[in-house]
PDB file of N, CA and C in Angstrom:
ATOM      1  N   MET A   1       8.646  -4.631  -0.796  1.00  0.00           N
ATOM      2  CA  MET A   1       8.460  -3.213  -1.010  1.00  0.00           C
ATOM      3  C   MET A   1       8.753  -2.905  -2.483  1.00  0.00           C
ATOM      4  N   ASN A   2       7.898  -2.085  -3.078  1.00  0.00           N
ATOM      5  CA  ASN A   2       8.110  -1.670  -4.465  1.00  0.00           C
ATOM      6  C   ASN A   2       9.314  -0.754  -4.572  1.00  0.00           C
ATOM      7  N   LYS A   3      10.133  -0.977  -5.601  1.00  0.00           N
ATOM      8  CA  LYS A   3      11.291  -0.106  -5.811  1.00  0.00           C
ATOM      9  C   LYS A   3      10.868   1.335  -6.062  1.00  0.00           C
ATOM     10  N   GLU A   4       9.664   1.550  -6.575  1.00  0.00           N
ATOM     11  CA  GLU A   4       9.194   2.917  -6.822  1.00  0.00           C
ATOM     12  C   GLU A   4       8.877   3.665  -5.531  1.00  0.00           C
ATOM     13  N   ASN A   5       8.890   2.954  -4.414  1.00  0.00           N
ATOM     14  CA  ASN A   5       8.669   3.580  -3.111  1.00  0.00           C
ATOM     15  C   ASN A   5       9.962   3.787  -2.343  1.00  0.00           C
ATOM     16  N   ILE A   6      11.104   3.572  -3.003  1.00  0.00           N
ATOM     17  CA  ILE A   6      12.406   3.764  -2.382  1.00  0.00           C
ATOM     18  C   ILE A   6      13.076   4.950  -3.051  1.00  0.00           C
ATOM     19  N   PHE A   7      13.552   5.895  -2.243  1.00  0.00           N
ATOM     20  CA  PHE A   7      14.135   7.121  -2.770  1.00  0.00           C
ATOM     21  C   PHE A   7      15.547   7.298  -2.228  1.00  0.00           C
ATOM     22  N   THR A   8      16.431   7.847  -3.039  1.00  0.00           N
ATOM     23  CA  THR A   8      17.772   8.197  -2.588  1.00  0.00           C
ATOM     24  C   THR A   8      18.058   9.641  -2.982  1.00  0.00           C
ATOM     25  N   TYR A   9      18.888  10.307  -2.180  1.00  0.00           N
ATOM     26  CA  TYR A   9      19.188  11.724  -2.412  1.00  0.00           C
ATOM     27  C   TYR A   9      20.665  11.980  -2.184  1.00  0.00           C
ATOM     28  N   ASP A  10      21.170  13.034  -2.793  1.00  0.00           N
ATOM     29  CA  ASP A  10      22.583  13.377  -2.679  1.00  0.00           C
ATOM     30  C   ASP A  10      22.905  14.224  -1.458  1.00  0.00           C
ATOM     31  N   THR A  11      21.931  14.983  -0.963  1.00  0.00           N
ATOM     32  CA  THR A  11      22.170  15.837   0.207  1.00  0.00           C
ATOM     33  C   THR A  11      21.061  15.643   1.223  1.00  0.00           C
ATOM     34  N   LYS A  12      21.362  15.990   2.466  1.00  0.00           N
ATOM     35  CA  LYS A  12      20.348  15.897   3.524  1.00  0.00           C
ATOM     36  C   LYS A  12      19.190  16.841   3.252  1.00  0.00           C
ATOM     37  N   GLN A  13      19.488  18.053   2.809  1.00  0.00           N
ATOM     38  CA  GLN A  13      18.423  19.023   2.546  1.00  0.00           C
ATOM     39  C   GLN A  13      17.507  18.547   1.418  1.00  0.00           C
ATOM     40  N   GLU A  14      18.095  17.965   0.387  1.00  0.00           N
ATOM     41  CA  GLU A  14      17.289  17.430  -0.709  1.00  0.00           C
ATOM     42  C   GLU A  14      16.378  16.307  -0.201  1.00  0.00           C
ATOM     43  N   ALA A  15      16.895  15.474   0.672  1.00  0.00           N
ATOM     44  CA  ALA A  15      16.090  14.385   1.230  1.00  0.00           C
ATOM     45  C   ALA A  15      14.891  14.924   2.000  1.00  0.00           C
ATOM     46  N   VAL A  16      15.115  15.922   2.835  1.00  0.00           N
ATOM     47  CA  VAL A  16      14.023  16.506   3.622  1.00  0.00           C
ATOM     48  C   VAL A  16      12.992  17.154   2.704  1.00  0.00           C
ATOM     49  N   THR A  17      13.453  17.949   1.768  1.00  0.00           N
ATOM     50  CA  THR A  17      12.543  18.656   0.863  1.00  0.00           C
ATOM     51  C   THR A  17      11.693  17.686   0.051  1.00  0.00           C
ATOM     52  N   LYS A  18      12.320  16.713  -0.574  1.00  0.00           N
ATOM     53  CA  LYS A  18      11.591  15.761  -1.422  1.00  0.00           C
ATOM     54  C   LYS A  18      10.672  14.868  -0.594  1.00  0.00           C
ATOM     55  N   ALA A  19      11.141  14.447   0.578  1.00  0.00           N
ATOM     56  CA  ALA A  19      10.301  13.584   1.415  1.00  0.00           C
ATOM     57  C   ALA A  19       9.040  14.306   1.844  1.00  0.00           C
ATOM     58  N   LYS A  20       9.166  15.572   2.200  1.00  0.00           N
ATOM     59  CA  LYS A  20       7.987  16.336   2.610  1.00  0.00           C
ATOM     60  C   LYS A  20       6.987  16.486   1.469  1.00  0.00           C
ATOM     61  N   GLU A  21       7.470  16.468   0.233  1.00  0.00           N
ATOM     62  CA  GLU A  21       6.582  16.571  -0.924  1.00  0.00           C
ATOM     63  C   GLU A  21       5.736  15.319  -1.113  1.00  0.00           C
ATOM     64  N   VAL A  22       6.263  14.155  -0.762  1.00  0.00           N
ATOM     65  CA  VAL A  22       5.548  12.905  -1.031  1.00  0.00           C
ATOM     66  C   VAL A  22       4.907  12.287   0.204  1.00  0.00           C
ATOM     67  N   MET A  23       5.306  12.729   1.394  1.00  0.00           N
ATOM     68  CA  MET A  23       4.757  12.140   2.609  1.00  0.00           C
ATOM     69  C   MET A  23       3.319  12.584   2.852  1.00  0.00           C
ATOM     70  N   LYS A  24       2.537  11.623   3.359  1.00  0.00           N
ATOM     71  CA  LYS A  24       1.161  11.911   3.765  1.00  0.00           C
ATOM     72  C   LYS A  24       1.016  11.508   5.223  1.00  0.00           C
ATOM     73  N   LYS A  25       0.033  12.079   5.894  1.00  0.00           N
ATOM     74  CA  LYS A  25      -0.224  11.731   7.287  1.00  0.00           C
ATOM     75  C   LYS A  25      -0.427  10.220   7.389  1.00  0.00           C
ATOM     76  N   GLY A  26       0.228   9.610   8.355  1.00  0.00           N
ATOM     77  CA  GLY A  26       0.111   8.174   8.567  1.00  0.00           C
ATOM     78  C   GLY A  26       1.206   7.364   7.890  1.00  0.00           C
ATOM     79  N   ASP A  27       2.038   7.999   7.047  1.00  0.00           N
ATOM     80  CA  ASP A  27       3.145   7.300   6.399  1.00  0.00           C
ATOM     81  C   ASP A  27       4.235   6.972   7.402  1.00  0.00           C
ATOM     82  N   TYR A  28       4.962   5.918   7.143  1.00  0.00           N
ATOM     83  CA  TYR A  28       6.145   5.556   7.907  1.00  0.00           C
ATOM     84  C   TYR A  28       7.361   5.837   7.036  1.00  0.00           C
ATOM     85  N   VAL A  29       8.430   6.320   7.663  1.00  0.00           N
ATOM     86  CA  VAL A  29       9.652   6.649   6.932  1.00  0.00           C
ATOM     87  C   VAL A  29      10.831   5.976   7.620  1.00  0.00           C
ATOM     88  N   LEU A  30      11.648   5.266   6.851  1.00  0.00           N
ATOM     89  CA  LEU A  30      12.876   4.679   7.360  1.00  0.00           C
ATOM     90  C   LEU A  30      14.037   5.529   6.864  1.00  0.00           C
ATOM     91  N   VAL A  31      14.789   6.099   7.795  1.00  0.00           N
ATOM     92  CA  VAL A  31      15.980   6.878   7.452  1.00  0.00           C
ATOM     93  C   VAL A  31      17.174   6.018   7.821  1.00  0.00           C
ATOM     94  N   LYS A  32      17.947   5.623   6.821  1.00  0.00           N
ATOM     95  CA  LYS A  32      19.069   4.716   7.039  1.00  0.00           C
ATOM     96  C   LYS A  32      20.354   5.394   6.612  1.00  0.00           C
ATOM     97  N   SER A  33      21.329   5.403   7.503  1.00  0.00           N
ATOM     98  CA  SER A  33      22.614   6.012   7.208  1.00  0.00           C
ATOM     99  C   SER A  33      23.598   5.660   8.305  1.00  0.00           C
ATOM    100  N   SER A  34      24.859   5.917   8.044  1.00  0.00           N
ATOM    101  CA  SER A  34      25.850   5.781   9.106  1.00  0.00           C
ATOM    102  C   SER A  34      25.761   7.007  10.004  1.00  0.00           C
ATOM    103  N   SER A  35      26.125   6.850  11.261  1.00  0.00           N
ATOM    104  CA  SER A  35      26.005   7.966  12.205  1.00  0.00           C
ATOM    105  C   SER A  35      26.926   9.129  11.845  1.00  0.00           C
ATOM    106  N   ILE A  36      28.000   8.855  11.147  1.00  0.00           N
ATOM    107  CA  ILE A  36      28.926   9.928  10.779  1.00  0.00           C
ATOM    108  C   ILE A  36      28.282  10.925   9.809  1.00  0.00           C
ATOM    109  N   MET A  37      27.250  10.506   9.107  1.00  0.00           N
ATOM    110  CA  MET A  37      26.574  11.395   8.161  1.00  0.00           C
ATOM    111  C   MET A  37      25.558  12.297   8.842  1.00  0.00           C
ATOM    112  N   THR A  38      25.374  12.150  10.123  1.00  0.00           N
ATOM    113  CA  THR A  38      24.445  12.953  10.942  1.00  0.00           C
ATOM    114  C   THR A  38      23.055  13.051  10.336  1.00  0.00           C
ATOM    115  N   PHE A  39      22.519  11.907   9.972  1.00  0.00           N
ATOM    116  CA  PHE A  39      21.186  11.916   9.383  1.00  0.00           C
ATOM    117  C   PHE A  39      20.098  12.189  10.407  1.00  0.00           C
ATOM    118  N   ILE A  40      20.497  12.412  11.655  1.00  0.00           N
ATOM    119  CA  ILE A  40      19.528  12.894  12.644  1.00  0.00           C
ATOM    120  C   ILE A  40      18.951  14.220  12.165  1.00  0.00           C
ATOM    121  N   ASP A  41      19.731  14.981  11.386  1.00  0.00           N
ATOM    122  CA  ASP A  41      19.243  16.240  10.818  1.00  0.00           C
ATOM    123  C   ASP A  41      18.065  15.982   9.879  1.00  0.00           C
ATOM    124  N   VAL A  42      18.124  14.901   9.117  1.00  0.00           N
ATOM    125  CA  VAL A  42      17.019  14.542   8.221  1.00  0.00           C
ATOM    126  C   VAL A  42      15.809  14.162   9.046  1.00  0.00           C
ATOM    127  N   THR A  43      16.014  13.313  10.025  1.00  0.00           N
ATOM    128  CA  THR A  43      14.908  12.881  10.879  1.00  0.00           C
ATOM    129  C   THR A  43      14.245  14.085  11.539  1.00  0.00           C
ATOM    130  N   ASN A  44      15.040  14.964  12.099  1.00  0.00           N
ATOM    131  CA  ASN A  44      14.474  16.152  12.742  1.00  0.00           C
ATOM    132  C   ASN A  44      13.767  17.054  11.734  1.00  0.00           C
ATOM    133  N   GLY A  45      14.261  17.118  10.511  1.00  0.00           N
ATOM    134  CA  GLY A  45      13.626  17.930   9.482  1.00  0.00           C
ATOM    135  C   GLY A  45      12.265  17.410   9.048  1.00  0.00           C
ATOM    136  N   LEU A  46      12.032  16.122   9.271  1.00  0.00           N
ATOM    137  CA  LEU A  46      10.761  15.528   8.853  1.00  0.00           C
ATOM    138  C   LEU A  46       9.674  15.627   9.906  1.00  0.00           C
ATOM    139  N   ILE A  47      10.070  15.909  11.159  1.00  0.00           N
ATOM    140  CA  ILE A  47       9.041  15.983  12.208  1.00  0.00           C
ATOM    141  C   ILE A  47       8.721  17.418  12.573  1.00  0.00           C
TER     142      ILE A  47
END
């Protein structure tokens, strides 16, 4: 995977906002985090 296709963000809201800007129909997204960070909020924000 190209490093230019890997993104990191400081907040969950920033992750959702920026991801929606670059995502296209048919893209796959991997959301990786510890469960304590409740990144389910990010996943739900993307769908």
